[in-house]
Structure formats: C-alpha cells, structure tokens
Amino acid sequence: MARIKTALFAAAVFAVLIFAVIFILAQKQGSGSALGKDYAVVTFSPESLVIRAEIAGTDEERAQGLMFRTSLGKNDGMLFIYPSASAVNFWMKNTLIPLDIVFISEDFTVVKIHHAVPCQADPCPLYNSGQPIKYVLEVNGNLTTAYGIQEGESRVEIIR
C-alpha cells in the first residue's frame, strides 16, 4: 500500500512539473518574448527568405536600433515599426556591422533597399526611405542581394 501511495505521489508531482513547463513555454510563445525582447517573423515572397526580427516599436528602441552590436545571426534582424506611415531617414552612427536597410510600405511591399556600411566619420550619410513607409527591416549586409529581394516586387509578411 505504501508503494502505491509513493507512486501516486510521484506521478502527481511529475504531472504538476510537466504542466508548469508547458504553461511557461506557452506564455513565452504567446508573447513573442525572450529575455524581455519582442520578436516577429518576417517572410519575403516570392524569395522565401525568413528572418527572425527583434522588434523596435518604441521611440527609444528605434533610436538605439542595432548600434554597438558586433554581430547578427545569419537570418536575424531588427524590425522597426512606426505608428503611422511616413518618410524616414536612417544612419549608421555607432553601427559596427554592414546592414541592408529594407524600407517596407504599409501594404507590405519592399519600396527601397540600401546597402549600408558602418559610419567612419561625422557627418554620417543618411539613408532615406524615399516615400512614406510603415516598417523598416535591418538585416546583414548583402543578404537581400543574395536572396534576390527586389524593390517594388518583393513583399513581406510579418507575424508577431
């Protein structure tokens, strides 16, 4: 009888632990957060490029961007989300790695791509969207060229 009670207790403890792990994982997956950061998946079509992008949704996050980062994973990036569509400028001050800056319209069309290099001296060049945009995606330099991403032709889907 004691063995049965011990086995039932162990099974109950195991079930509670499994439930706790599933609950914690579901919370992280549902929020898109990991270590306090919010992420989105950005997919380009028809090129089938998939990027895991850290979201820069606040003014402070957009101002910081990828400054001072020494590396970026092959299919990682940063997605800048603006409250409304407008023309924007980017620069590479304090950015240590080459980036492709992909300007994306409100209808999810790639409208402009700049192949930007780290700024070596002030004043740093500005990279303009050329028209009102709602999103900007920064990825590793020349990644868009390698995948054939085209201005005016490529489209993106953003999943948060």
C-alpha atoms as a PDB file:
ATOM      1  CA  MET A   1       0.000   0.000   0.000  1.00  0.00           C
ATOM      2  CA  ALA A   2       2.866   2.388   0.829  1.00  0.00           C
ATOM      3  CA  ARG A   3       4.442   1.760  -2.589  1.00  0.00           C
ATOM      4  CA  ILE A   4       1.179   2.652  -4.336  1.00  0.00           C
ATOM      5  CA  LYS A   5       0.885   5.911  -2.348  1.00  0.00           C
ATOM      6  CA  THR A   6       4.507   6.775  -3.142  1.00  0.00           C
ATOM      7  CA  ALA A   7       3.993   6.009  -6.840  1.00  0.00           C
ATOM      8  CA  LEU A   8       0.802   8.112  -6.957  1.00  0.00           C
ATOM      9  CA  PHE A   9       2.546  11.000  -5.187  1.00  0.00           C
ATOM     10  CA  ALA A  10       5.491  10.829  -7.608  1.00  0.00           C
ATOM     11  CA  ALA A  11       3.097  10.745 -10.595  1.00  0.00           C
ATOM     12  CA  ALA A  12       1.209  13.765  -9.243  1.00  0.00           C
ATOM     13  CA  VAL A  13       4.435  15.731  -8.724  1.00  0.00           C
ATOM     14  CA  PHE A  14       5.600  14.795 -12.237  1.00  0.00           C
ATOM     15  CA  ALA A  15       2.247  15.894 -13.726  1.00  0.00           C
ATOM     16  CA  VAL A  16       2.451  19.260 -11.924  1.00  0.00           C
ATOM     17  CA  LEU A  17       6.006  19.802 -13.197  1.00  0.00           C
ATOM     18  CA  ILE A  18       5.001  18.945 -16.776  1.00  0.00           C
ATOM     19  CA  PHE A  19       2.019  21.324 -16.548  1.00  0.00           C
ATOM     20  CA  ALA A  20       4.279  24.115 -15.215  1.00  0.00           C
ATOM     21  CA  VAL A  21       6.786  23.669 -18.054  1.00  0.00           C
ATOM     22  CA  ILE A  22       4.018  23.665 -20.684  1.00  0.00           C
ATOM     23  CA  PHE A  23       2.443  26.764 -19.117  1.00  0.00           C
ATOM     24  CA  ILE A  24       5.748  28.683 -19.063  1.00  0.00           C
ATOM     25  CA  LEU A  25       6.554  27.756 -22.658  1.00  0.00           C
ATOM     26  CA  ALA A  26       3.065  28.761 -23.810  1.00  0.00           C
ATOM     27  CA  GLN A  27       3.427  32.142 -22.084  1.00  0.00           C
ATOM     28  CA  LYS A  28       6.762  32.823 -23.814  1.00  0.00           C
ATOM     29  CA  GLN A  29       5.490  31.671 -27.210  1.00  0.00           C
ATOM     30  CA  GLY A  30       2.289  33.683 -26.956  1.00  0.00           C
ATOM     31  CA  SER A  31       4.046  36.933 -26.121  1.00  0.00           C
ATOM     32  CA  GLY A  32       6.837  36.528 -28.647  1.00  0.00           C
ATOM     33  CA  SER A  33       9.213  37.441 -25.847  1.00  0.00           C
ATOM     34  CA  ALA A  34      12.549  36.032 -24.894  1.00  0.00           C
ATOM     35  CA  LEU A  35      14.627  37.749 -22.243  1.00  0.00           C
ATOM     36  CA  GLY A  36      12.327  40.765 -22.340  1.00  0.00           C
ATOM     37  CA  LYS A  37      12.581  41.321 -26.082  1.00  0.00           C
ATOM     38  CA  ASP A  38       9.717  41.108 -28.541  1.00  0.00           C
ATOM     39  CA  TYR A  39      10.251  39.267 -31.836  1.00  0.00           C
ATOM     40  CA  ALA A  40       8.462  38.828 -35.137  1.00  0.00           C
ATOM     41  CA  VAL A  41       8.954  36.517 -38.096  1.00  0.00           C
ATOM     42  CA  VAL A  42       9.350  38.371 -41.394  1.00  0.00           C
ATOM     43  CA  THR A  43       8.933  36.326 -44.572  1.00  0.00           C
ATOM     44  CA  PHE A  44       9.798  37.634 -48.031  1.00  0.00           C
ATOM     45  CA  SER A  45       7.936  36.382 -51.079  1.00  0.00           C
ATOM     46  CA  PRO A  46       8.418  35.121 -53.676  1.00  0.00           C
ATOM     47  CA  GLU A  47      12.006  34.620 -52.447  1.00  0.00           C
ATOM     48  CA  SER A  48      11.122  32.502 -49.364  1.00  0.00           C
ATOM     49  CA  LEU A  49      13.591  34.272 -47.077  1.00  0.00           C
ATOM     50  CA  VAL A  50      12.591  34.037 -43.399  1.00  0.00           C
ATOM     51  CA  ILE A  51      14.018  36.453 -40.811  1.00  0.00           C
ATOM     52  CA  ARG A  52      13.662  36.353 -37.026  1.00  0.00           C
ATOM     53  CA  ALA A  53      13.467  40.037 -36.170  1.00  0.00           C
ATOM     54  CA  GLU A  54      13.758  41.779 -32.854  1.00  0.00           C
ATOM     55  CA  ILE A  55      11.058  44.453 -32.754  1.00  0.00           C
ATOM     56  CA  ALA A  56      11.929  48.106 -32.253  1.00  0.00           C
ATOM     57  CA  GLY A  57       8.482  49.508 -31.539  1.00  0.00           C
ATOM     58  CA  THR A  58       9.145  52.447 -29.225  1.00  0.00           C
ATOM     59  CA  ASP A  59      10.973  55.698 -29.946  1.00  0.00           C
ATOM     60  CA  GLU A  60      13.815  54.606 -27.646  1.00  0.00           C
ATOM     61  CA  GLU A  61      14.157  51.184 -29.314  1.00  0.00           C
ATOM     62  CA  ARG A  62      14.093  52.761 -32.780  1.00  0.00           C
ATOM     63  CA  ALA A  63      16.754  55.311 -31.753  1.00  0.00           C
ATOM     64  CA  GLN A  64      19.051  52.542 -30.409  1.00  0.00           C
ATOM     65  CA  GLY A  65      18.479  50.109 -33.278  1.00  0.00           C
ATOM     66  CA  LEU A  66      21.444  47.797 -33.855  1.00  0.00           C
ATOM     67  CA  MET A  67      24.040  50.270 -32.594  1.00  0.00           C
ATOM     68  CA  PHE A  68      27.067  48.724 -30.884  1.00  0.00           C
ATOM     69  CA  ARG A  69      26.190  45.156 -31.953  1.00  0.00           C
ATOM     70  CA  THR A  70      29.265  43.258 -33.090  1.00  0.00           C
ATOM     71  CA  SER A  71      27.373  40.523 -34.925  1.00  0.00           C
ATOM     72  CA  LEU A  72      23.969  39.469 -36.165  1.00  0.00           C
ATOM     73  CA  GLY A  73      22.792  35.910 -36.795  1.00  0.00           C
ATOM     74  CA  LYS A  74      22.548  34.905 -40.460  1.00  0.00           C
ATOM     75  CA  ASN A  75      18.737  35.110 -40.569  1.00  0.00           C
ATOM     76  CA  ASP A  76      18.276  37.604 -37.740  1.00  0.00           C
ATOM     77  CA  GLY A  77      17.411  41.278 -37.965  1.00  0.00           C
ATOM     78  CA  MET A  78      15.584  44.175 -36.400  1.00  0.00           C
ATOM     79  CA  LEU A  79      12.105  45.294 -37.417  1.00  0.00           C
ATOM     80  CA  PHE A  80      11.276  48.972 -36.861  1.00  0.00           C
ATOM     81  CA  ILE A  81       7.530  49.552 -36.595  1.00  0.00           C
ATOM     82  CA  TYR A  82       6.199  53.089 -36.871  1.00  0.00           C
ATOM     83  CA  PRO A  83       2.804  54.232 -35.551  1.00  0.00           C
ATOM     84  CA  SER A  84       1.897  55.666 -38.963  1.00  0.00           C
ATOM     85  CA  ALA A  85       3.387  55.743 -42.445  1.00  0.00           C
ATOM     86  CA  SER A  86       5.933  58.500 -43.058  1.00  0.00           C
ATOM     87  CA  ALA A  87       9.201  59.121 -44.871  1.00  0.00           C
ATOM     88  CA  VAL A  88      12.147  58.257 -42.612  1.00  0.00           C
ATOM     89  CA  ASN A  89      15.940  58.534 -42.579  1.00  0.00           C
ATOM     90  CA  PHE A  90      18.371  56.014 -41.126  1.00  0.00           C
ATOM     91  CA  TRP A  91      22.062  56.358 -40.431  1.00  0.00           C
ATOM     92  CA  MET A  92      24.832  54.009 -39.350  1.00  0.00           C
ATOM     93  CA  LYS A  93      26.392  56.011 -36.500  1.00  0.00           C
ATOM     94  CA  ASN A  94      27.797  53.619 -33.879  1.00  0.00           C
ATOM     95  CA  THR A  95      26.724  50.658 -36.013  1.00  0.00           C
ATOM     96  CA  LEU A  96      29.605  48.224 -36.256  1.00  0.00           C
ATOM     97  CA  ILE A  97      28.379  45.798 -38.940  1.00  0.00           C
ATOM     98  CA  PRO A  98      27.233  46.317 -42.559  1.00  0.00           C
ATOM     99  CA  LEU A  99      23.470  46.145 -42.937  1.00  0.00           C
ATOM    100  CA  ASP A 100      20.815  46.085 -45.612  1.00  0.00           C
ATOM    101  CA  ILE A 101      18.117  48.596 -44.703  1.00  0.00           C
ATOM    102  CA  VAL A 102      14.808  47.446 -46.204  1.00  0.00           C
ATOM    103  CA  PHE A 103      12.020  50.039 -46.290  1.00  0.00           C
ATOM    104  CA  ILE A 104       8.541  48.461 -46.384  1.00  0.00           C
ATOM    105  CA  SER A 105       5.275  50.215 -47.215  1.00  0.00           C
ATOM    106  CA  GLU A 106       2.009  49.962 -45.324  1.00  0.00           C
ATOM    107  CA  ASP A 107       0.844  47.343 -47.864  1.00  0.00           C
ATOM    108  CA  PHE A 108       3.976  45.229 -47.128  1.00  0.00           C
ATOM    109  CA  THR A 109       5.810  45.946 -50.391  1.00  0.00           C
ATOM    110  CA  VAL A 110       9.578  46.453 -50.355  1.00  0.00           C
ATOM    111  CA  VAL A 111       9.949  50.012 -51.658  1.00  0.00           C
ATOM    112  CA  LYS A 112      13.641  50.747 -51.063  1.00  0.00           C
ATOM    113  CA  ILE A 113      16.794  48.846 -50.121  1.00  0.00           C
ATOM    114  CA  HIS A 114      20.025  50.496 -49.029  1.00  0.00           C
ATOM    115  CA  HIS A 115      23.265  48.556 -48.607  1.00  0.00           C
ATOM    116  CA  ALA A 116      24.688  50.487 -45.674  1.00  0.00           C
ATOM    117  CA  VAL A 117      28.169  50.327 -44.185  1.00  0.00           C
ATOM    118  CA  PRO A 118      29.312  51.467 -40.736  1.00  0.00           C
ATOM    119  CA  CYS A 119      29.883  55.194 -40.492  1.00  0.00           C
ATOM    120  CA  GLN A 120      33.580  56.031 -40.241  1.00  0.00           C
ATOM    121  CA  ALA A 121      33.342  59.774 -39.506  1.00  0.00           C
ATOM    122  CA  ASP A 122      30.797  62.518 -38.886  1.00  0.00           C
ATOM    123  CA  PRO A 123      28.654  63.533 -40.581  1.00  0.00           C
ATOM    124  CA  CYS A 124      27.279  60.063 -41.272  1.00  0.00           C
ATOM    125  CA  PRO A 125      25.350  59.573 -44.533  1.00  0.00           C
ATOM    126  CA  LEU A 126      21.575  59.352 -44.330  1.00  0.00           C
ATOM    127  CA  TYR A 127      19.608  56.504 -45.924  1.00  0.00           C
ATOM    128  CA  ASN A 128      16.162  57.775 -46.942  1.00  0.00           C
ATOM    129  CA  SER A 129      13.026  55.720 -47.499  1.00  0.00           C
ATOM    130  CA  GLY A 130      12.121  57.919 -50.485  1.00  0.00           C
ATOM    131  CA  GLN A 131       8.407  57.683 -49.664  1.00  0.00           C
ATOM    132  CA  PRO A 132       6.135  57.061 -46.686  1.00  0.00           C
ATOM    133  CA  ILE A 133       6.758  53.661 -45.103  1.00  0.00           C
ATOM    134  CA  LYS A 134       5.390  51.837 -42.046  1.00  0.00           C
ATOM    135  CA  TYR A 135       8.199  49.302 -41.450  1.00  0.00           C
ATOM    136  CA  VAL A 136      11.968  49.071 -41.794  1.00  0.00           C
ATOM    137  CA  LEU A 137      13.887  45.818 -41.561  1.00  0.00           C
ATOM    138  CA  GLU A 138      17.632  45.763 -40.944  1.00  0.00           C
ATOM    139  CA  VAL A 139      19.430  42.540 -41.884  1.00  0.00           C
ATOM    140  CA  ASN A 140      23.015  41.501 -42.545  1.00  0.00           C
ATOM    141  CA  GLY A 141      24.707  43.382 -45.352  1.00  0.00           C
ATOM    142  CA  ASN A 142      24.057  41.976 -48.858  1.00  0.00           C
ATOM    143  CA  LEU A 143      21.532  39.400 -47.619  1.00  0.00           C
ATOM    144  CA  THR A 144      18.876  40.963 -49.848  1.00  0.00           C
ATOM    145  CA  THR A 145      21.178  40.655 -52.863  1.00  0.00           C
ATOM    146  CA  ALA A 146      21.952  37.013 -52.065  1.00  0.00           C
ATOM    147  CA  TYR A 147      18.213  36.196 -51.985  1.00  0.00           C
ATOM    148  CA  GLY A 148      17.191  38.399 -54.915  1.00  0.00           C
ATOM    149  CA  ILE A 149      14.947  40.725 -52.896  1.00  0.00           C
ATOM    150  CA  GLN A 150      13.685  43.397 -55.311  1.00  0.00           C
ATOM    151  CA  GLU A 151      12.358  46.907 -54.730  1.00  0.00           C
ATOM    152  CA  GLY A 152       8.738  47.160 -55.872  1.00  0.00           C
ATOM    153  CA  GLU A 153       8.431  43.399 -56.473  1.00  0.00           C
ATOM    154  CA  SER A 154       9.191  41.645 -53.181  1.00  0.00           C
ATOM    155  CA  ARG A 155       6.545  41.553 -50.475  1.00  0.00           C
ATOM    156  CA  VAL A 156       6.751  40.674 -46.812  1.00  0.00           C
ATOM    157  CA  GLU A 157       4.513  39.009 -44.271  1.00  0.00           C
ATOM    158  CA  ILE A 158       5.025  39.925 -40.639  1.00  0.00           C
ATOM    159  CA  ILE A 159       3.914  37.521 -37.922  1.00  0.00           C
ATOM    160  CA  ARG A 160       4.126  38.675 -34.311  1.00  0.00           C
END
